[in-house]
Protein backbone atom coordinates (compact mmCIF):
# COMPACT_ATOMS: atom_id res chain seq x y z
CA MET A 1 119.95 80.17 172.43
CA PHE A 2 119.48 80.71 176.17
CA LEU A 3 118.15 83.81 177.91
CA ILE A 4 118.91 85.07 181.36
CA PRO A 5 115.96 84.09 183.63
CA GLU A 6 115.27 87.66 184.72
CA LEU A 7 115.28 88.89 181.11
CA ARG A 8 113.12 85.99 179.95
CA SER A 9 110.48 86.61 182.65
CA SER A 10 110.40 90.32 181.85
CA MET A 11 109.84 89.54 178.18
CA LEU A 12 107.06 87.04 178.85
CA SER A 13 105.13 89.18 181.36
CA PRO A 14 105.76 92.87 180.69
CA THR A 15 104.66 95.29 183.43
CA LEU A 16 101.91 97.73 182.51
CA ALA A 17 102.04 101.12 184.21
CA ILE A 18 99.14 102.18 186.40
CA VAL A 19 97.20 105.19 185.10
CA VAL A 20 95.68 107.77 187.48
CA TYR A 21 92.88 110.20 186.51
CA THR A 22 91.75 113.48 188.12
CA ASP A 23 89.97 116.62 186.97
CA ARG A 24 92.22 119.32 185.59
CA GLU A 25 90.55 122.14 187.55
CA VAL A 26 87.86 122.45 190.21
CA TYR A 27 86.14 125.55 191.57
CA GLY A 28 84.68 126.27 194.97
CA ALA A 29 83.22 129.13 196.97
CA VAL A 30 84.48 130.30 200.34
CA GLY A 31 82.84 128.32 203.14
CA SER A 32 81.55 125.56 200.81
CA GLN A 33 82.95 122.11 200.07
CA VAL A 34 84.49 120.53 196.98
CA THR A 35 85.16 116.95 195.89
CA LEU A 36 88.56 116.06 194.49
CA HIS A 37 87.96 113.03 192.28
CA CYS A 38 90.65 110.42 191.72
CA SER A 39 90.35 107.13 189.81
CA PHE A 40 92.80 104.74 188.19
CA TRP A 41 93.29 101.96 185.67
CA SER A 42 95.47 98.96 186.47
CA SER A 43 96.29 95.74 184.66
CA GLU A 44 95.99 93.93 188.02
CA TRP A 45 92.98 93.14 190.18
CA VAL A 46 92.42 95.56 193.05
CA SER A 47 94.87 94.45 195.70
CA ASP A 48 94.31 94.35 199.45
CA ASP A 49 97.48 96.40 199.68
CA ILE A 50 96.18 99.19 197.45
CA SER A 51 97.07 102.70 198.65
CA PHE A 52 96.04 106.28 197.82
CA THR A 53 98.10 109.33 198.71
CA TRP A 54 97.03 112.97 198.35
CA ARG A 55 99.61 115.78 198.41
CA TYR A 56 99.04 119.54 198.40
CA GLN A 57 101.23 122.30 196.96
CA PRO A 58 100.06 125.82 197.86
CA GLU A 59 99.63 128.41 195.14
CA GLY A 60 103.06 129.95 194.56
CA GLY A 61 104.74 127.36 196.81
CA ARG A 62 107.58 125.04 195.87
CA ASP A 63 107.13 122.07 198.16
CA ALA A 64 104.20 119.62 198.34
CA ILE A 65 103.04 118.21 201.66
CA SER A 66 101.15 114.98 202.32
CA ILE A 67 97.61 115.65 203.57
CA PHE A 68 95.91 112.24 203.23
CA HIS A 69 96.82 108.57 202.97
CA TYR A 70 94.77 105.40 202.53
CA ALA A 71 96.33 101.99 203.17
CA LYS A 72 95.34 98.54 204.51
CA GLY A 73 91.68 99.50 204.18
CA GLN A 74 91.99 102.51 206.50
CA PRO A 75 92.09 106.27 205.77
CA TYR A 76 94.72 108.38 207.54
CA ILE A 77 94.51 112.17 207.71
CA ASP A 78 97.82 113.84 208.35
CA GLU A 79 97.84 115.87 211.54
CA VAL A 80 99.91 118.61 209.94
CA GLY A 81 98.56 121.61 208.02
CA THR A 82 95.22 123.33 207.66
CA PHE A 83 93.36 120.31 206.20
CA LYS A 84 93.62 117.99 209.20
CA GLU A 85 90.01 118.61 210.33
CA ARG A 86 88.47 119.35 206.93
CA ILE A 87 89.20 116.25 204.82
CA GLN A 88 86.67 113.45 204.33
CA TRP A 89 87.35 110.12 202.59
CA VAL A 90 84.59 109.28 200.07
CA GLY A 91 86.48 106.82 197.88
CA ASP A 92 85.90 103.13 197.31
CA PRO A 93 88.91 101.02 196.25
CA SER A 94 86.66 98.24 194.88
CA TRP A 95 85.38 100.80 192.36
CA LYS A 96 88.91 102.15 191.78
CA ASP A 97 87.91 105.41 193.42
CA GLY A 98 90.21 107.41 195.72
CA SER A 99 88.24 110.68 196.00
CA ILE A 100 88.26 113.03 198.99
CA VAL A 101 86.12 116.01 200.05
CA ILE A 102 87.50 119.24 201.47
CA HIS A 103 85.07 121.15 203.70
CA ASN A 104 84.90 124.82 204.67
CA LEU A 105 87.00 126.16 201.80
CA ASP A 106 89.15 129.24 202.22
CA TYR A 107 91.28 131.39 199.90
CA SER A 108 94.40 129.79 201.37
CA ASP A 109 93.31 126.43 199.90
CA ASN A 110 94.17 127.58 196.37
CA GLY A 111 96.82 125.29 194.96
CA THR A 112 97.56 121.96 193.30
CA PHE A 113 96.48 118.58 194.71
CA THR A 114 98.23 115.41 193.55
CA CYS A 115 96.75 111.89 193.66
CA ASP A 116 99.09 108.89 193.71
CA VAL A 117 97.86 105.28 193.54
CA LYS A 118 99.73 102.01 194.16
CA ASN A 119 98.09 98.67 193.39
CA PRO A 120 100.76 96.01 194.09
CA PRO A 121 102.30 94.51 192.10
CA ASP A 122 101.28 97.34 189.77
CA ILE A 123 103.10 100.24 191.41
CA VAL A 124 104.75 101.96 188.43
CA GLY A 125 102.98 104.93 186.90
CA LYS A 126 102.51 108.69 186.89
CA THR A 127 100.50 110.72 189.37
CA SER A 128 97.67 113.05 188.39
CA GLN A 129 97.10 116.65 189.50
CA VAL A 130 94.06 118.88 189.95
CA THR A 131 94.16 122.62 190.62
CA LEU A 132 91.70 124.14 193.10
CA TYR A 133 90.44 127.72 192.72
CA VAL A 134 88.49 129.26 195.59
CA PHE A 135 86.32 132.34 194.95
CA GLU A 136 83.91 134.49 196.89
CA LYS A 137 81.31 133.34 194.36
CA VAL A 138 81.97 130.53 191.92
CA PRO A 139 82.11 132.07 188.40
CA THR A 140 80.32 130.57 185.46
CA ARG A 141 82.77 128.41 183.62
CA TYR A 142 83.68 129.33 180.07
CA GLY A 143 82.86 125.85 178.87
CA VAL A 144 79.34 126.07 180.30
CA VAL A 145 78.76 129.43 178.58
CA LEU A 146 80.18 128.14 175.31
CA GLY A 147 78.03 125.02 175.54
CA ALA A 148 74.94 127.14 176.18
CA VAL A 149 75.74 129.38 173.20
CA ILE A 150 76.33 126.41 170.90
CA GLY A 151 73.15 124.76 172.16
CA GLY A 152 71.18 127.96 171.49
CA ILE A 153 72.58 128.25 167.96
CA LEU A 154 71.76 124.61 167.23
CA GLY A 155 68.25 125.15 168.57
CA VAL A 156 67.72 128.16 166.28
CA VAL A 157 69.06 126.22 163.29
CA LEU A 158 66.73 123.29 164.01
CA LEU A 159 63.79 125.68 164.39
CA LEU A 160 64.59 127.34 161.05
CA LEU A 161 64.87 123.95 159.36
CA LEU A 162 61.53 122.92 160.85
CA LEU A 163 59.89 126.12 159.59
CA PHE A 164 61.46 125.64 156.15
CA TYR A 165 60.13 122.10 155.80
CA LEU A 166 56.72 123.15 157.14
CA ILE A 167 56.45 126.00 154.61
CA ARG A 168 57.66 123.71 151.82
CA TYR A 169 55.12 121.06 152.80
CA CYS A 170 52.27 123.61 152.79
CA TRP A 171 53.42 124.98 149.42
CA LEU A 172 53.61 121.53 147.84
CA ARG A 173 50.20 120.65 149.23
CA ARG A 174 48.72 123.85 147.78
CA GLN A 175 50.35 123.19 144.42
CA ALA A 176 48.90 119.68 144.38
CA ALA A 177 45.42 121.05 145.16
CA LEU A 178 45.73 123.62 142.37
CA GLN A 179 46.90 120.93 139.98
CA ARG A 180 43.90 118.75 140.82
CA ARG A 181 41.57 121.71 140.35
CA LEU A 182 43.10 122.57 136.95
CA SER A 183 42.85 118.93 135.88
CA ALA A 184 39.20 118.85 136.89
CA MET A 185 38.50 122.08 134.94
CA GLU A 186 40.27 120.75 131.85
CA LYS A 187 38.25 117.54 132.02
CA GLY A 188 35.04 119.57 132.31
CA LYS A 189 35.97 121.67 129.29
CA PHE A 190 36.78 118.54 127.28
CA HIS A 191 33.43 116.94 128.08
CA LYS A 192 31.62 120.17 127.22
CA SER A 193 33.44 120.55 123.91
CA SER A 194 32.72 116.93 123.00
CA LYS A 195 29.03 117.46 123.76
CA ASP A 196 28.96 120.64 121.63
CA SER A 197 30.68 118.87 118.75
CA SER A 198 28.20 116.00 118.94
CA LYS A 199 25.32 118.49 118.93
CA ARG A 200 26.81 120.25 115.93
CA GLY A 201 27.26 116.87 114.26
CA ARG A 202 23.58 116.07 114.78
CA GLN A 203 22.39 119.53 113.61
CA THR A 204 24.40 119.51 110.35
CA PRO A 205 22.35 116.78 108.56
CA VAL A 206 19.14 118.50 109.61
CA LEU A 207 20.30 121.77 108.10
CA TYR A 208 21.34 120.05 104.92
CA ALA A 209 17.95 118.31 104.75
CA MET A 210 16.13 121.61 105.25
CA LEU A 211 18.22 123.23 102.53
CA ASP A 212 17.54 120.35 100.15
CA HIS A 213 13.83 120.54 100.93
CA SER A 214 13.70 124.28 100.28
CA ARG A 215 15.63 123.86 97.04
CA SER A 216 13.31 121.09 95.84
CA THR A 217 10.22 123.13 96.75
CA LYS A 218 11.58 126.14 94.89
CA ALA A 219 12.41 124.05 91.86
CA ALA A 220 8.90 122.51 91.87
CA SER A 221 7.24 125.90 92.12
CA GLU A 222 9.40 127.24 89.26
CA LYS A 223 8.52 124.22 87.16
CA LYS A 224 4.83 124.62 87.91
CA SER A 225 4.85 128.30 87.00
CA LYS A 226 6.71 127.49 83.81
CA GLY A 227 4.13 124.89 82.88
CA LEU A 228 1.26 127.28 83.44
CA GLY A 229 2.93 129.85 81.16
CA GLU A 230 3.30 127.36 78.35
CA SER A 231 -0.29 126.23 78.65
CA ARG A 232 -1.49 129.81 78.33
CA LYS A 233 0.55 130.26 75.17
CA ASP A 234 -1.03 127.14 73.66
CA LYS A 235 -4.51 128.46 74.30
CA LYS A 236 -3.78 131.64 72.39
């Protein structure tokens, strides 16, 4: 079975599409500057013929205009539009970076910026877009507020857990001390009771001996008195 050369080469070395990355949204204040980040992934090494192109579509506009181009190692700022004196190239192709900075922002800069990258022979792929919002004062982003709230909640939970384990540790330590004290008291009572029982054991024979002695003395006295009575009868 034979394959057409073009089909065979395409099957053996399939082309991977280049992937471009930008932020989804960026915010800036009037009169300040903002960086529009652009990076890419390519299956090929960074080519000497790599190129970056930035296009701008105003808010509510239909058409996009080219405002910046990088090719053959040189940046080119288009001499048309309001960005011609406010764009600065800060990218580095060796690091797969095609970022630009826009200075002196104004409300008219609101819109969508598109980054397109070509890294021959890897030139097939989708562009990536970032939307710029210019305000009098940059508002606090919802994600930042949400992150702060979540962080605060986690901090409170960790503090409560720490207090719980600290209280539990103190309680267990107190219970152990009470248990040792009760054990010591029970041992003391046991030794005392054993001493008392031994004393009672030693006193019992003495009492019995005293009782026997008193009984024998009483019996002897009774016998003696009885003998004296009989002797008196004999004399009569």
